[in-house]
Protein backbone atom coordinates (compact mmCIF):
# COMPACT_ATOMS: atom_id res chain seq x y z
CA MET A 1 -81.79 -72.44 34.44
CA VAL A 2 -78.48 -74.29 34.22
CA ALA A 3 -78.88 -75.62 37.78
CA ALA A 4 -82.43 -76.81 37.00
CA SER A 5 -81.17 -78.55 33.85
CA ARG A 6 -78.40 -80.21 35.87
CA GLY A 7 -80.97 -81.28 38.46
CA ARG A 8 -83.15 -82.87 35.79
CA ARG A 9 -80.18 -84.78 34.36
CA ALA A 10 -79.24 -86.01 37.84
CA PHE A 11 -82.83 -87.20 38.44
CA LYS A 12 -82.83 -89.01 35.09
CA ARG A 13 -79.63 -90.87 36.04
CA LEU A 14 -81.08 -91.71 39.46
CA ASN A 15 -84.30 -92.92 37.80
CA ARG A 16 -82.34 -95.25 35.52
CA MET A 17 -80.60 -96.74 38.56
CA MET A 18 -83.93 -97.11 40.41
CA LEU A 19 -85.45 -98.91 37.44
CA VAL A 20 -82.55 -101.38 37.34
CA LEU A 21 -83.00 -102.04 41.06
CA TRP A 22 -86.73 -102.72 40.50
CA ARG A 23 -85.89 -105.06 37.64
CA LEU A 24 -83.45 -106.89 39.91
CA GLY A 25 -86.37 -107.55 42.25
CA LEU A 26 -85.32 -104.97 44.87
CA GLY A 27 -88.44 -102.76 44.65
CA PRO A 28 -89.65 -103.80 48.11
CA LEU A 29 -86.21 -103.05 49.56
CA LEU A 30 -86.30 -99.55 48.05
CA ASN A 31 -89.53 -98.99 49.95
CA ALA A 32 -88.29 -100.48 53.23
CA TRP A 33 -87.84 -97.16 55.03
CA PRO A 34 -90.32 -94.61 53.60
CA PRO A 35 -89.44 -91.74 55.99
CA LEU A 36 -85.93 -91.67 54.51
CA GLY A 37 -86.09 -93.11 51.00
CA GLY A 38 -89.74 -92.40 50.31
CA ARG A 39 -92.47 -94.50 48.75
CA ILE A 40 -91.43 -95.38 45.23
CA LEU A 41 -93.41 -96.97 42.42
CA VAL A 42 -92.63 -97.51 38.77
CA LEU A 43 -95.11 -96.05 36.30
CA THR A 44 -95.27 -97.79 32.92
CA HIS A 45 -96.70 -95.55 30.21
CA ARG A 46 -96.59 -95.07 26.42
CA GLY A 47 -94.44 -92.42 24.76
CA ARG A 48 -96.75 -89.83 23.21
CA VAL A 49 -94.59 -89.55 20.08
CA SER A 50 -92.81 -92.92 19.84
CA GLY A 51 -95.59 -95.13 21.17
CA LEU A 52 -92.90 -97.11 23.00
CA LYS A 53 -93.34 -98.39 26.53
CA ARG A 54 -91.60 -96.15 29.09
CA HIS A 55 -90.87 -96.75 32.80
CA THR A 56 -90.59 -93.92 35.31
CA PRO A 57 -89.84 -94.33 39.03
CA LEU A 58 -91.95 -91.87 41.05
CA ASN A 59 -92.75 -91.03 44.64
CA TYR A 60 -96.38 -91.69 45.47
CA GLY A 61 -99.01 -91.40 48.13
CA PRO A 62 -101.75 -94.02 48.53
CA VAL A 63 -105.38 -92.93 48.08
CA ALA A 64 -108.60 -94.93 48.11
CA GLY A 65 -108.67 -96.99 44.92
CA GLY A 66 -105.20 -96.02 43.72
CA VAL A 67 -102.23 -93.72 44.13
CA VAL A 68 -101.34 -90.09 43.55
CA CYS A 69 -98.04 -88.82 42.06
CA VAL A 70 -96.52 -85.41 41.47
CA ALA A 71 -94.72 -84.06 38.41
CA GLY A 72 -92.22 -81.81 40.17
CA TYR A 73 -90.94 -80.26 36.95
CA GLY A 74 -94.46 -79.34 35.95
CA GLU A 75 -95.92 -79.63 32.49
CA ARG A 76 -92.56 -80.25 30.85
CA CYS A 77 -92.17 -83.69 32.50
CA ASP A 78 -92.18 -86.29 29.76
CA TRP A 79 -94.06 -88.87 31.82
CA TYR A 80 -96.74 -86.28 32.66
CA ARG A 81 -97.25 -85.37 28.99
CA ASN A 82 -97.29 -89.06 28.09
CA VAL A 83 -100.09 -89.93 30.54
CA LEU A 84 -102.13 -86.96 29.35
CA ALA A 85 -101.90 -88.35 25.81
CA GLU A 86 -102.50 -91.98 26.90
CA PRO A 87 -103.95 -92.29 30.42
CA ASN A 88 -103.96 -96.12 30.53
CA VAL A 89 -100.90 -97.03 32.59
CA GLU A 90 -99.39 -99.82 34.67
CA VAL A 91 -98.22 -99.31 38.25
CA TRP A 92 -95.50 -101.39 39.91
CA LEU A 93 -95.77 -101.29 43.69
CA PRO A 94 -93.70 -103.16 46.32
CA ARG A 95 -96.50 -105.71 46.77
CA GLY A 96 -97.63 -106.21 43.20
CA ARG A 97 -98.68 -104.40 40.10
CA TRP A 98 -101.88 -103.34 38.44
CA VAL A 99 -103.25 -101.32 35.54
CA GLY A 100 -105.04 -98.06 35.99
CA VAL A 101 -106.20 -94.79 34.50
CA ALA A 102 -104.28 -91.58 35.15
CA THR A 103 -106.10 -88.28 35.64
CA ASP A 104 -104.66 -84.80 36.14
CA VAL A 105 -106.16 -83.47 39.39
CA SER A 106 -103.94 -80.37 39.59
CA GLU A 107 -106.97 -78.08 39.66
CA ALA A 108 -108.99 -80.14 42.14
CA ALA A 109 -110.08 -78.64 45.45
CA GLU A 110 -108.02 -81.22 47.36
CA ARG A 111 -104.83 -80.42 45.39
CA VAL A 112 -102.85 -79.14 48.39
CA ASP A 113 -103.85 -82.14 50.54
CA LEU A 114 -102.85 -84.58 47.80
CA MET A 115 -99.62 -82.66 47.17
CA ARG A 116 -98.72 -82.73 50.85
CA GLN A 117 -99.43 -86.47 51.05
CA VAL A 118 -97.07 -87.25 48.15
CA LEU A 119 -94.37 -84.87 49.40
CA LEU A 120 -94.52 -86.39 52.88
CA ALA A 121 -94.26 -89.84 51.30
CA SER A 122 -91.23 -88.80 49.24
CA GLY A 123 -88.75 -89.03 52.11
CA PHE A 124 -85.78 -86.73 51.63
CA ALA A 125 -86.60 -85.87 47.99
CA ALA A 126 -89.03 -83.02 48.76
CA VAL A 127 -86.65 -81.37 51.21
CA VAL A 128 -83.77 -81.67 48.71
CA ALA A 129 -86.03 -79.99 46.13
CA GLY A 130 -86.54 -77.13 48.58
CA VAL A 131 -90.10 -77.94 49.70
CA ASN A 132 -90.58 -79.09 53.28
CA PRO A 133 -94.21 -80.26 53.59
CA ARG A 134 -93.92 -80.51 57.38
CA ARG A 135 -93.06 -76.84 57.82
CA LEU A 136 -95.21 -75.13 55.19
CA ASP A 137 -98.83 -74.20 55.81
CA ASP A 138 -101.37 -74.80 53.03
CA ALA A 139 -100.94 -71.36 51.41
CA ALA A 140 -97.14 -71.57 51.43
CA LEU A 141 -97.21 -75.13 50.07
CA ALA A 142 -99.60 -74.10 47.29
CA ALA A 143 -97.30 -71.20 46.36
CA ALA A 144 -94.13 -73.33 46.48
CA THR A 145 -95.68 -76.02 44.26
CA ARG A 146 -97.81 -73.92 41.92
CA ASP A 147 -96.06 -75.35 38.83
CA TYR A 148 -96.21 -78.95 40.06
CA ARG A 149 -98.81 -81.20 38.44
CA VAL A 150 -100.76 -83.79 40.45
CA ILE A 151 -101.76 -87.09 38.84
CA ARG A 152 -104.19 -89.53 40.41
CA ILE A 153 -104.07 -93.12 39.14
CA ASP A 154 -107.15 -95.20 39.83
CA ARG A 155 -106.81 -98.95 39.69
CA SER A 156 -108.81 -100.60 36.90
CA GLY A 157 -107.56 -104.20 37.04
CA PRO A 158 -104.65 -106.62 37.47
CA ALA A 159 -101.59 -106.34 35.26
CA GLY A 160 -100.86 -108.98 32.66
CA GLY A 161 -97.65 -110.11 31.04
CA PRO A 162 -94.24 -110.88 32.49
CA ALA A 163 -93.29 -109.68 35.95
CA PRO A 164 -91.17 -106.52 36.07
CA GLU A 165 -88.43 -108.35 37.99
CA ASP A 166 -86.98 -109.73 34.76
CA LEU A 167 -83.42 -109.39 36.11
CA ALA A 168 -84.10 -110.99 39.51
CA TRP A 169 -82.18 -114.06 38.35
CA VAL A 170 -79.00 -111.96 38.61
CA MET A 171 -79.58 -111.43 42.35
CA ARG A 172 -80.42 -115.09 42.91
CA GLY A 173 -77.28 -116.12 40.99
CA ALA A 174 -75.14 -113.68 42.97
CA ALA A 175 -76.58 -114.99 46.25
CA ALA A 176 -75.94 -118.60 45.21
CA LEU A 177 -72.38 -117.77 44.14
CA GLY A 178 -71.82 -115.93 47.42
CA ALA A 179 -73.03 -118.97 49.37
CA VAL A 180 -70.73 -121.30 47.42
CA LEU A 181 -67.73 -118.99 47.91
CA ALA A 182 -68.49 -118.58 51.62
CA GLY A 183 -68.71 -122.36 52.04
CA TRP A 184 -65.43 -122.82 50.17
CA ALA A 185 -63.71 -120.15 52.31
CA ILE A 186 -65.00 -121.70 55.54
CA ARG A 187 -63.84 -125.19 54.50
CA ARG A 188 -60.48 -123.88 53.38
CA ARG A 189 -59.99 -121.95 56.63
CA ALA A 190 -61.02 -125.01 58.65
CA GLY A 191 -58.51 -127.08 56.68
CA LEU A 192 -55.72 -124.57 57.27
CA SER A 193 -56.38 -124.40 61.00
CA ARG A 194 -55.95 -128.16 61.56
CA PRO A 195 -52.80 -129.17 63.51
């Protein structure tokens, strides 16, 4: 139980870092190599107790009309309990964002297929968690993920409000500063190398 608790804390720290990277405008870069880093979205949902807006980075698999995600820690995942209480969510993807409705499909007939799709799309994360979707047959995958919950999010419209890349100006400023410093260094070096 202590190792699981440590694992959850590590994932929470990683999620905070991922969210900052999305806010810096690096969401597409995080998704640049899905076989290694996985497919990552940010799910915006309401806290079931606080009512506050929450953001959770998640691995996902695309499905017709939306995406599917997995709650690897089962029913105790905060984001999972939040979307059960309020299924209207916003999804940030590498090529845009939209609003949708989340539905628990953990008991659906296609559960194992959806689970495998998300785990395959998670890059190294599934293997680190001890579930290798490439090596397990359907029965073994169902047994290994019996406590996992599967959420399907169907798109219902475009998102409104400010873009999630509210910190992208930091990256643009850093790039501009880097260009200025590089130009200064090149000019200085050229000046020093004159006879």
